[in-house]
Amino acid sequence: MSNFLILSDVGDSLLQALRGGFEADPATNEILPPKKIALQSPHGSMEGQLSVFLYRIIEDAQTKNQPPGYGNGGKVRKAPLALELHYMITPHFKNQGTSHTVLGKVCSILYDAPFLYLSDLRGREDAPREEVRLVLNSVPLDELARVWEALQESYQLSICYIARVAVLDSSDERYLTPVLNKRAEYGEPIPA
C-alpha cells in the first residue's frame, strides 16, 4: 500500500539508481562522485553537480477510471490515485563536453534499468514490490524554456524523464450496503 510518502520514495529510488550507476563506473565516478547527485532545483545547484528536479506532477489518464478496491472488513476503498512524476535532470559543468558525458551516462543508467522498485528502498522488506517505470520524455523546447524562466535561470542542457505510474492509495474506506432484495414497481397504467 502506497501512502503520501510515494513522491519521496520515487525521488529517493531515482537518486539511488543514478548514484549506483555512477559509482559502478570508475571513469564517470571521477567526473561526478555519487554524493554530488542531489534532488534539488537547478536554481540552487553548484558547479560539478547533477540536479534531479521534480518539476511537474499529473494524474495518469490511462488509469483514471479504475473501479474501487476492497478495504478492510468489507469496506470499499476509492480507486488509487495514479501519478506521473516529471523530472528534469541537469548537469552543472562549465565544460559542455563533461555535461554531455554525464547526460550520456544518465541515459545509459536509466535505459539499462528503466524500473524503480520501491520495496528495495531503504531495505523495506514489508513493502509490496511496486515498480515505477522511467520513460525518456521529449519535452518541447518552449515548455523547457518556461521551466527555466520560472526558475529565473538561463537555459541549460538538461534531459527529462517521466516516472510512471506512482500509485497513491486512498485511505478513505466506507461500508457499501449490499442489495438484499429488489422490488419492481410500475407506474399507473396510461389510459388508452
Protein backbone atom coordinates (compact mmCIF):
# COMPACT_ATOMS: atom_id res chain seq x y z
CA MET A 1 0.00 0.00 0.00
CA SER A 2 1.44 3.35 -1.02
CA ASN A 3 0.85 6.36 1.13
CA PHE A 4 1.76 10.02 0.94
CA LEU A 5 5.47 9.15 1.00
CA ILE A 6 5.30 7.85 -2.58
CA LEU A 7 6.73 11.08 -4.06
CA SER A 8 9.67 10.99 -1.69
CA ASP A 9 10.19 7.25 -2.26
CA VAL A 10 10.30 7.63 -6.05
CA GLY A 11 12.78 10.51 -5.80
CA ASP A 12 15.00 8.58 -3.39
CA SER A 13 14.87 5.47 -5.61
CA LEU A 14 15.84 7.52 -8.66
CA LEU A 15 18.78 9.01 -6.75
CA GLN A 16 19.81 5.55 -5.58
CA ALA A 17 19.77 4.23 -9.17
CA LEU A 18 21.80 7.16 -10.53
CA ARG A 19 24.32 7.13 -7.69
CA GLY A 20 24.80 3.38 -8.04
CA GLY A 21 25.36 3.69 -11.78
CA PHE A 22 27.96 6.44 -11.45
CA GLU A 23 29.71 4.68 -8.57
CA ALA A 24 29.99 1.41 -10.51
CA ASP A 25 31.85 3.08 -13.40
CA PRO A 26 35.33 4.34 -12.42
CA ALA A 27 35.51 6.70 -15.43
CA THR A 28 32.34 8.61 -14.54
CA ASN A 29 32.91 8.30 -10.79
CA GLU A 30 35.91 10.63 -11.18
CA ILE A 31 33.87 13.17 -13.16
CA LEU A 32 30.82 13.05 -10.89
CA PRO A 33 31.10 11.43 -7.44
CA PRO A 34 27.73 9.98 -6.32
CA LYS A 35 27.42 12.42 -3.41
CA LYS A 36 27.22 15.25 -6.00
CA ILE A 37 23.89 13.91 -7.35
CA ALA A 38 21.02 15.59 -5.50
CA LEU A 39 17.26 16.04 -5.54
CA GLN A 40 17.19 19.80 -5.90
CA SER A 41 16.23 22.64 -8.14
CA PRO A 42 18.77 23.57 -10.80
CA HIS A 43 18.47 27.11 -9.40
CA GLY A 44 20.50 26.32 -6.29
CA SER A 45 22.96 23.87 -7.81
CA MET A 46 26.71 24.34 -7.69
CA GLU A 47 29.40 23.64 -10.28
CA GLY A 48 30.14 19.91 -10.60
CA GLN A 49 26.69 18.70 -9.50
CA LEU A 50 23.84 16.82 -11.13
CA SER A 51 20.42 18.11 -10.10
CA VAL A 52 17.34 15.90 -10.26
CA PHE A 53 14.33 18.20 -10.14
CA LEU A 54 10.66 17.16 -9.86
CA TYR A 55 9.01 19.92 -11.87
CA ARG A 56 5.56 18.53 -12.66
CA ILE A 57 3.04 16.06 -11.20
CA ILE A 58 -0.01 14.97 -13.19
CA GLU A 59 -2.65 12.28 -12.87
CA ASP A 60 -2.16 9.31 -15.19
CA ALA A 61 -5.05 9.46 -17.64
CA GLN A 62 -4.89 5.75 -18.55
CA THR A 63 -5.71 4.58 -15.04
CA LYS A 64 -8.14 7.32 -14.08
CA ASN A 65 -11.37 5.30 -14.28
CA GLN A 66 -10.45 2.24 -12.25
CA PRO A 67 -13.13 0.62 -10.12
CA PRO A 68 -12.90 0.94 -6.35
CA GLY A 69 -10.94 -1.67 -4.43
CA TYR A 70 -11.79 -3.60 -1.32
CA GLY A 71 -10.58 -2.34 2.01
CA ASN A 72 -10.62 -3.92 5.45
CA GLY A 73 -13.64 -5.64 6.94
CA GLY A 74 -15.91 -5.47 3.92
CA LYS A 75 -15.32 -1.79 3.30
CA VAL A 76 -14.81 -0.30 -0.15
CA ARG A 77 -11.85 1.97 -0.87
CA LYS A 78 -11.63 4.62 -3.59
CA ALA A 79 -9.53 3.66 -6.58
CA PRO A 80 -5.88 4.66 -6.11
CA LEU A 81 -4.57 7.93 -7.49
CA ALA A 82 -2.04 7.13 -10.23
CA LEU A 83 0.56 9.84 -10.79
CA GLU A 84 3.13 10.66 -13.42
CA LEU A 85 6.16 12.44 -11.98
CA HIS A 86 8.14 14.59 -14.40
CA TYR A 87 11.83 15.01 -13.59
CA MET A 88 14.38 17.32 -15.19
CA ILE A 89 17.99 16.15 -14.83
CA THR A 90 20.60 18.85 -15.31
CA PRO A 91 24.41 18.62 -15.18
CA HIS A 92 26.15 21.73 -13.86
CA PHE A 93 29.58 21.88 -15.50
CA LYS A 94 31.31 24.74 -17.30
CA ASN A 95 32.75 22.29 -19.81
CA GLN A 96 30.00 21.22 -22.25
CA GLY A 97 31.86 18.01 -23.06
CA THR A 98 31.65 16.99 -19.40
CA SER A 99 27.93 17.82 -19.36
CA HIS A 100 27.42 15.64 -22.44
CA THR A 101 29.34 12.77 -20.84
CA VAL A 102 27.28 13.00 -17.65
CA LEU A 103 23.96 13.10 -19.52
CA GLY A 104 25.10 10.18 -21.67
CA LYS A 105 25.80 8.17 -18.52
CA VAL A 106 22.38 9.15 -17.07
CA CYS A 107 20.69 7.92 -20.26
CA SER A 108 22.70 4.69 -20.15
CA ILE A 109 21.83 4.00 -16.49
CA LEU A 110 18.11 4.66 -16.93
CA TYR A 111 17.94 2.78 -20.25
CA ASP A 112 19.58 -0.33 -18.77
CA ALA A 113 17.43 -0.26 -15.64
CA PRO A 114 14.15 1.50 -16.52
CA PHE A 115 12.27 0.32 -13.42
CA LEU A 116 12.48 1.60 -9.87
CA TYR A 117 11.46 -0.98 -7.29
CA LEU A 118 10.21 0.95 -4.30
CA SER A 119 10.43 -2.04 -1.95
CA ASP A 120 14.22 -2.03 -2.46
CA LEU A 121 14.40 1.44 -0.97
CA ARG A 122 15.97 1.56 2.48
CA GLY A 123 15.68 -2.23 2.77
CA ARG A 124 11.96 -2.22 3.48
CA GLU A 125 11.06 -5.87 3.08
CA ASP A 126 7.49 -5.36 4.29
CA ALA A 127 6.63 -3.10 1.35
CA PRO A 128 4.88 -4.56 -1.69
CA ARG A 129 7.03 -4.90 -4.80
CA GLU A 130 5.78 -1.77 -6.52
CA GLU A 131 7.53 -0.74 -9.66
CA VAL A 132 7.69 2.62 -11.36
CA ARG A 133 8.81 2.82 -14.99
CA LEU A 134 11.16 5.57 -16.15
CA VAL A 135 10.49 6.85 -19.65
CA LEU A 136 12.58 9.37 -21.58
CA ASN A 137 10.37 12.40 -22.20
CA SER A 138 10.87 14.50 -25.31
CA VAL A 139 9.82 17.87 -23.93
CA PRO A 140 9.31 20.63 -26.50
CA LEU A 141 11.83 23.45 -26.23
CA ASP A 142 9.16 26.04 -25.40
CA GLU A 143 7.99 24.01 -22.38
CA LEU A 144 11.59 23.64 -21.17
CA ALA A 145 12.11 27.35 -21.66
CA ARG A 146 9.07 28.06 -19.47
CA VAL A 147 10.52 25.86 -16.70
CA TRP A 148 13.84 27.71 -16.87
CA GLU A 149 12.06 31.06 -16.95
CA ALA A 150 10.09 30.11 -13.83
CA LEU A 151 13.39 29.23 -12.14
CA GLN A 152 14.77 32.62 -13.22
CA GLU A 153 17.77 30.92 -14.78
CA SER A 154 19.18 30.89 -18.28
CA TYR A 155 18.60 27.70 -20.24
CA GLN A 156 20.96 24.81 -19.51
CA LEU A 157 21.31 21.47 -21.22
CA SER A 158 19.01 19.00 -19.46
CA ILE A 159 17.08 15.81 -20.05
CA CYS A 160 13.59 14.93 -18.85
CA TYR A 161 12.14 11.64 -17.64
CA ILE A 162 8.68 10.60 -16.55
CA ALA A 163 8.30 8.22 -13.62
CA ARG A 164 5.06 6.39 -14.29
CA VAL A 165 2.94 5.20 -12.57
CA ALA A 166 3.37 6.13 -8.91
CA VAL A 167 0.28 4.92 -7.08
CA LEU A 168 -1.14 6.72 -4.07
CA ASP A 169 -3.71 4.56 -2.28
CA SER A 170 -6.75 6.21 -0.79
CA SER A 171 -7.25 5.97 2.95
CA ASP A 172 -10.98 6.69 2.60
CA GLU A 173 -12.86 3.45 3.31
CA ARG A 174 -16.63 3.19 3.54
CA TYR A 175 -19.13 0.45 4.06
CA LEU A 176 -21.12 -0.35 0.98
CA THR A 177 -24.57 -1.65 1.80
CA PRO A 178 -25.29 -4.71 -0.31
CA VAL A 179 -28.56 -5.06 -2.21
CA LEU A 180 -30.59 -7.62 -0.26
CA ASN A 181 -33.80 -7.57 -2.26
CA LYS A 182 -35.31 -5.61 -5.08
CA ARG A 183 -38.82 -4.64 -5.87
CA ALA A 184 -40.00 -3.75 -9.33
CA GLU A 185 -42.88 -1.31 -9.38
CA TYR A 186 -44.61 0.12 -12.32
CA GLY A 187 -46.45 3.39 -12.51
CA GLU A 188 -50.10 3.88 -13.13
CA PRO A 189 -51.27 2.47 -16.46
CA ILE A 190 -51.71 5.08 -19.16
CA PRO A 191 -55.33 5.24 -20.29
CA ALA A 192 -55.82 4.36 -23.93
